[in-house]
Amino acid sequence: MLRYKAQLRGIKVIITEESYTSQSSCLDGDDLPKYGEKKPKFSGKRVTRGLYKTRENKLLNADVNGSLNIIKK
């Protein structure tokens, strides 16, 4: 249904694997391994619901962090 609706509007849909995208920092350049490839180590962490803190103590919205990581993947 999503692909169909997007196609009607001329939007290209790309299905991608999304593991670790909300746990890794998009600003710190953390690796984004596929699930089960290797044990990941992340520089930042989610401090509250909806808030992510990077290695350099920068705060950003957790959904924005995850979305940027999905784009990188």
Protein backbone atom coordinates (compact mmCIF):
# COMPACT_ATOMS: atom_id res chain seq x y z
CA MET A 1 0.00 0.00 0.00
CA LEU A 2 2.80 2.45 0.86
CA ARG A 3 4.61 1.81 -2.42
CA TYR A 4 1.38 2.20 -4.34
CA LYS A 5 0.47 5.52 -2.69
CA ALA A 6 4.02 6.84 -3.11
CA GLN A 7 4.07 5.83 -6.78
CA LEU A 8 0.87 7.81 -7.36
CA ARG A 9 2.74 10.90 -6.13
CA GLY A 10 5.97 10.13 -7.97
CA ILE A 11 7.88 9.24 -4.80
CA LYS A 12 10.47 6.45 -4.91
CA VAL A 13 10.32 4.01 -1.97
CA ILE A 14 13.45 2.14 -0.93
CA ILE A 15 13.07 -0.66 1.62
CA THR A 16 16.18 -0.95 3.80
CA GLU A 17 17.36 -2.86 6.85
CA GLU A 18 17.11 -0.54 9.87
CA SER A 19 18.89 -2.29 12.74
CA TYR A 20 20.89 -0.07 15.12
CA THR A 21 19.75 3.17 13.44
CA SER A 22 18.25 4.56 16.65
CA GLN A 23 21.17 3.45 18.84
CA SER A 24 24.07 4.82 16.82
CA SER A 25 24.94 8.51 16.60
CA CYS A 26 24.47 10.14 13.21
CA LEU A 27 26.69 13.07 14.28
CA ASP A 28 29.56 10.96 15.63
CA GLY A 29 29.81 8.75 12.54
CA ASP A 30 29.12 5.45 14.33
CA ASP A 31 29.18 2.31 12.18
CA LEU A 32 25.81 0.90 11.17
CA PRO A 33 26.29 -2.87 10.97
CA LYS A 34 23.56 -5.24 9.87
CA TYR A 35 21.93 -7.21 12.66
CA GLY A 36 24.14 -10.12 13.72
CA GLU A 37 27.23 -9.11 11.70
CA LYS A 38 29.34 -7.93 14.61
CA LYS A 39 28.87 -6.63 18.14
CA PRO A 40 28.24 -2.91 17.76
CA LYS A 41 29.67 -0.20 19.99
CA PHE A 42 28.00 3.19 20.02
CA SER A 43 29.37 6.54 21.15
CA GLY A 44 26.10 8.14 22.27
CA LYS A 45 22.92 7.04 23.96
CA ARG A 46 19.24 7.79 24.33
CA VAL A 47 18.85 9.71 27.59
CA THR A 48 15.07 10.01 27.70
CA ARG A 49 12.25 9.06 25.45
CA GLY A 50 12.72 11.15 22.33
CA LEU A 51 16.14 12.59 23.22
CA TYR A 52 19.56 11.34 22.08
CA LYS A 53 22.92 12.51 23.49
CA THR A 54 26.08 12.27 21.35
CA ARG A 55 29.65 11.61 22.46
CA GLU A 56 30.23 15.38 22.59
CA ASN A 57 27.09 15.86 24.74
CA LYS A 58 25.09 17.38 21.90
CA LEU A 59 21.37 16.73 22.22
CA LEU A 60 19.07 15.97 19.33
CA ASN A 61 15.68 14.46 18.75
CA ALA A 62 15.96 10.66 18.78
CA ASP A 63 13.67 10.28 15.75
CA VAL A 64 15.80 12.72 13.75
CA ASN A 65 18.92 10.76 14.73
CA GLY A 66 17.33 7.48 13.64
CA SER A 67 16.02 8.96 10.39
CA LEU A 68 19.42 10.36 9.43
CA ASN A 69 20.99 6.97 10.13
CA ILE A 70 18.42 5.25 7.91
CA ILE A 71 19.38 7.66 5.12
CA LYS A 72 23.07 6.80 5.69
CA LYS A 73 22.34 3.08 5.55
